[in-house]
Each structure stands twice: as C-alpha cells, then as structure tokens.
C-alpha cells in the first residue's frame, strides 16, 4: 500500500512541476489565436472599397448593434 501511495505522490509531484509551463502555453496560444481570429473578423467586417453606400443583399441577415 505504501508503494502505491509513494508512486501516486511522485507522479503528482512530477506533473506539478510542468503545470506552470503548460498553463502558460495554453494562455499564450489562446491569446495569439484570439488576436488572430479577432483581427480576421474585424478586417472582414469592413465593406470593400466602393461598396460603402450600397445596400446589403437579401441573403445577408441584418444584425442590430
């Protein structure tokens, strides 16, 4: 029984050392993805040059701000 508890605590201690790095990587990758996808969405929300005063096609739903 003691061997099992020692192995579990050793495994928990080993994974605890990697927690801050993996946690940080998740946040960094998530931030980069959010900025990238947000930038793409913002850029695509603009109307093309020459179409600013045109009406939307019927197939495009109207979204209230």
N, C-alpha and C. Protein backbone atom coordinates (compact mmCIF):
# COMPACT_ATOMS: atom_id res chain seq x y z
N UNK A 1 0.82 -1.19 0.00
CA UNK A 1 0.00 0.00 0.00
C UNK A 1 0.87 1.25 0.00
N UNK A 2 1.95 1.23 0.77
CA UNK A 2 2.84 2.39 0.82
C UNK A 2 3.50 2.65 -0.52
N UNK A 3 3.82 1.58 -1.25
CA UNK A 3 4.44 1.76 -2.56
C UNK A 3 3.50 2.48 -3.53
N UNK A 4 2.23 2.13 -3.48
CA UNK A 4 1.26 2.77 -4.36
C UNK A 4 1.12 4.25 -4.02
N UNK A 5 1.04 4.57 -2.74
CA UNK A 5 0.92 5.96 -2.33
C UNK A 5 2.16 6.76 -2.70
N UNK A 6 3.33 6.14 -2.58
CA UNK A 6 4.57 6.83 -2.95
C UNK A 6 4.61 7.08 -4.45
N UNK A 7 4.16 6.12 -5.25
CA UNK A 7 4.15 6.31 -6.70
C UNK A 7 3.16 7.39 -7.11
N UNK A 8 2.00 7.41 -6.47
CA UNK A 8 1.00 8.42 -6.78
C UNK A 8 1.52 9.81 -6.41
N UNK A 9 2.14 9.92 -5.24
CA UNK A 9 2.66 11.23 -4.83
C UNK A 9 3.83 11.65 -5.71
N UNK A 10 4.65 10.71 -6.15
CA UNK A 10 5.76 11.03 -7.05
C UNK A 10 5.23 11.49 -8.40
N UNK A 11 4.20 10.81 -8.89
CA UNK A 11 3.60 11.21 -10.17
C UNK A 11 2.94 12.57 -10.06
N UNK A 12 2.29 12.83 -8.95
CA UNK A 12 1.66 14.14 -8.74
C UNK A 12 2.71 15.23 -8.64
N UNK A 13 3.82 14.93 -8.00
CA UNK A 13 4.89 15.92 -7.89
C UNK A 13 5.54 16.20 -9.23
N UNK A 14 5.68 15.19 -10.05
CA UNK A 14 6.29 15.38 -11.37
C UNK A 14 5.39 16.22 -12.26
N UNK A 15 4.08 15.98 -12.20
CA UNK A 15 3.19 16.76 -13.05
C UNK A 15 3.02 18.18 -12.51
N UNK A 16 3.22 18.37 -11.21
CA UNK A 16 3.09 19.70 -10.64
C UNK A 16 4.20 20.62 -11.14
N UNK A 17 5.36 20.07 -11.45
CA UNK A 17 6.45 20.89 -11.97
C UNK A 17 6.15 21.41 -13.36
N UNK A 18 5.38 20.66 -14.16
CA UNK A 18 5.07 21.07 -15.52
C UNK A 18 3.83 21.94 -15.59
N UNK A 19 3.08 22.07 -14.53
CA UNK A 19 1.82 22.81 -14.56
C UNK A 19 2.01 24.27 -14.97
N UNK A 20 2.91 25.03 -14.38
CA UNK A 20 3.01 26.44 -14.78
C UNK A 20 3.39 26.62 -16.25
N UNK A 21 4.27 25.78 -16.77
CA UNK A 21 4.67 25.91 -18.16
C UNK A 21 3.52 25.59 -19.09
N UNK A 22 2.83 24.48 -18.87
CA UNK A 22 1.72 24.11 -19.74
C UNK A 22 0.58 25.11 -19.61
N UNK A 23 0.34 25.58 -18.39
CA UNK A 23 -0.71 26.58 -18.16
C UNK A 23 -0.38 27.87 -18.91
N UNK A 24 0.86 28.28 -18.87
CA UNK A 24 1.29 29.48 -19.57
C UNK A 24 1.18 29.29 -21.08
N UNK A 25 1.57 28.12 -21.57
CA UNK A 25 1.48 27.87 -23.01
C UNK A 25 0.05 27.91 -23.50
N UNK A 26 -0.87 27.39 -22.71
CA UNK A 26 -2.29 27.43 -23.09
C UNK A 26 -2.75 28.88 -23.20
N UNK A 27 -2.38 29.70 -22.26
CA UNK A 27 -2.77 31.10 -22.31
C UNK A 27 -2.11 31.83 -23.48
N UNK A 28 -0.86 31.58 -23.74
CA UNK A 28 -0.16 32.26 -24.84
C UNK A 28 -0.76 31.85 -26.18
N UNK A 29 -0.95 30.56 -26.38
CA UNK A 29 -1.53 30.08 -27.65
C UNK A 29 -2.97 30.60 -27.78
N UNK A 30 -3.73 30.60 -26.71
CA UNK A 30 -5.10 31.11 -26.75
C UNK A 30 -5.14 32.59 -27.07
N UNK A 31 -4.23 33.35 -26.48
CA UNK A 31 -4.19 34.78 -26.76
C UNK A 31 -3.85 35.05 -28.22
N UNK A 32 -2.85 34.33 -28.73
CA UNK A 32 -2.47 34.51 -30.14
C UNK A 32 -3.63 34.13 -31.06
N UNK A 33 -4.32 33.05 -30.75
CA UNK A 33 -5.47 32.63 -31.56
C UNK A 33 -6.58 33.66 -31.50
N UNK A 34 -6.85 34.19 -30.32
CA UNK A 34 -7.92 35.19 -30.17
C UNK A 34 -7.60 36.46 -30.94
N UNK A 35 -6.35 36.92 -30.86
CA UNK A 35 -5.96 38.13 -31.57
C UNK A 35 -6.03 37.90 -33.08
N UNK A 36 -5.56 36.75 -33.53
CA UNK A 36 -5.57 36.44 -34.96
C UNK A 36 -7.00 36.34 -35.49
N UNK A 37 -7.83 35.56 -34.82
CA UNK A 37 -9.21 35.40 -35.28
C UNK A 37 -9.99 36.70 -35.16
N UNK A 38 -9.76 37.45 -34.10
CA UNK A 38 -10.43 38.74 -33.95
C UNK A 38 -10.02 39.72 -35.03
N UNK A 39 -8.74 39.73 -35.39
CA UNK A 39 -8.27 40.62 -36.44
C UNK A 39 -8.88 40.25 -37.79
N UNK A 40 -8.95 38.95 -38.05
CA UNK A 40 -9.56 38.49 -39.31
C UNK A 40 -11.03 38.89 -39.35
N UNK A 41 -11.75 38.68 -38.26
CA UNK A 41 -13.16 39.04 -38.21
C UNK A 41 -13.36 40.55 -38.36
N UNK A 42 -12.51 41.35 -37.71
CA UNK A 42 -12.62 42.80 -37.83
C UNK A 42 -12.34 43.24 -39.26
N UNK A 43 -11.32 42.68 -39.87
CA UNK A 43 -10.99 43.05 -41.24
C UNK A 43 -12.10 42.67 -42.19
N UNK A 44 -12.69 41.48 -42.01
CA UNK A 44 -13.75 41.02 -42.90
C UNK A 44 -15.07 41.75 -42.67
N UNK A 45 -15.21 42.46 -41.56
CA UNK A 45 -16.45 43.17 -41.29
C UNK A 45 -16.54 44.47 -42.08
N UNK A 46 -15.45 44.93 -42.61
CA UNK A 46 -15.44 46.17 -43.38
C UNK A 46 -15.98 45.89 -44.78
N UNK A 47 -16.69 46.84 -45.34
CA UNK A 47 -17.18 46.68 -46.71
C UNK A 47 -16.05 47.01 -47.68
N UNK A 48 -16.03 46.32 -48.80
CA UNK A 48 -14.97 46.59 -49.79
C UNK A 48 -15.06 48.02 -50.33
N UNK A 49 -13.95 48.56 -50.79
CA UNK A 49 -13.97 49.92 -51.36
C UNK A 49 -14.97 50.03 -52.50
N UNK A 50 -15.76 51.09 -52.45
CA UNK A 50 -16.78 51.31 -53.47
C UNK A 50 -18.14 50.74 -53.10
N UNK A 51 -18.21 49.94 -52.04
CA UNK A 51 -19.47 49.31 -51.63
C UNK A 51 -20.01 49.91 -50.34
N UNK A 52 -19.39 50.97 -49.82
CA UNK A 52 -19.79 51.53 -48.54
C UNK A 52 -21.25 52.00 -48.54
N UNK A 53 -21.70 52.60 -49.63
CA UNK A 53 -23.06 53.17 -49.66
C UNK A 53 -24.08 52.23 -50.32
N UNK A 54 -23.69 51.04 -50.66
CA UNK A 54 -24.59 50.06 -51.29
C UNK A 54 -25.43 49.36 -50.24
N UNK A 55 -26.60 48.87 -50.63
CA UNK A 55 -27.45 48.12 -49.71
C UNK A 55 -26.97 46.68 -49.63
N UNK A 56 -27.28 46.06 -48.49
CA UNK A 56 -26.90 44.65 -48.31
C UNK A 56 -27.79 43.76 -49.17
N UNK A 57 -27.23 42.66 -49.66
CA UNK A 57 -28.07 41.69 -50.37
C UNK A 57 -29.10 41.07 -49.42
N UNK A 58 -30.18 40.55 -49.97
CA UNK A 58 -31.25 39.97 -49.15
C UNK A 58 -30.79 38.74 -48.38
N UNK A 59 -29.78 38.04 -48.88
CA UNK A 59 -29.33 36.81 -48.22
C UNK A 59 -28.51 37.08 -46.96
N UNK A 60 -28.02 38.31 -46.80
CA UNK A 60 -27.22 38.66 -45.63
C UNK A 60 -28.15 39.14 -44.53
N UNK A 61 -28.16 38.48 -43.37
CA UNK A 61 -29.07 38.89 -42.29
C UNK A 61 -28.65 40.23 -41.70
N UNK A 62 -29.64 40.99 -41.25
CA UNK A 62 -29.36 42.28 -40.62
C UNK A 62 -29.10 42.04 -39.14
N UNK A 63 -28.02 42.59 -38.61
CA UNK A 63 -27.65 42.42 -37.22
C UNK A 63 -27.75 43.76 -36.53
N UNK A 64 -28.55 43.82 -35.45
CA UNK A 64 -28.67 45.05 -34.69
C UNK A 64 -27.49 45.21 -33.76
N UNK A 65 -26.97 46.42 -33.66
CA UNK A 65 -25.79 46.65 -32.83
C UNK A 65 -26.16 46.90 -31.41
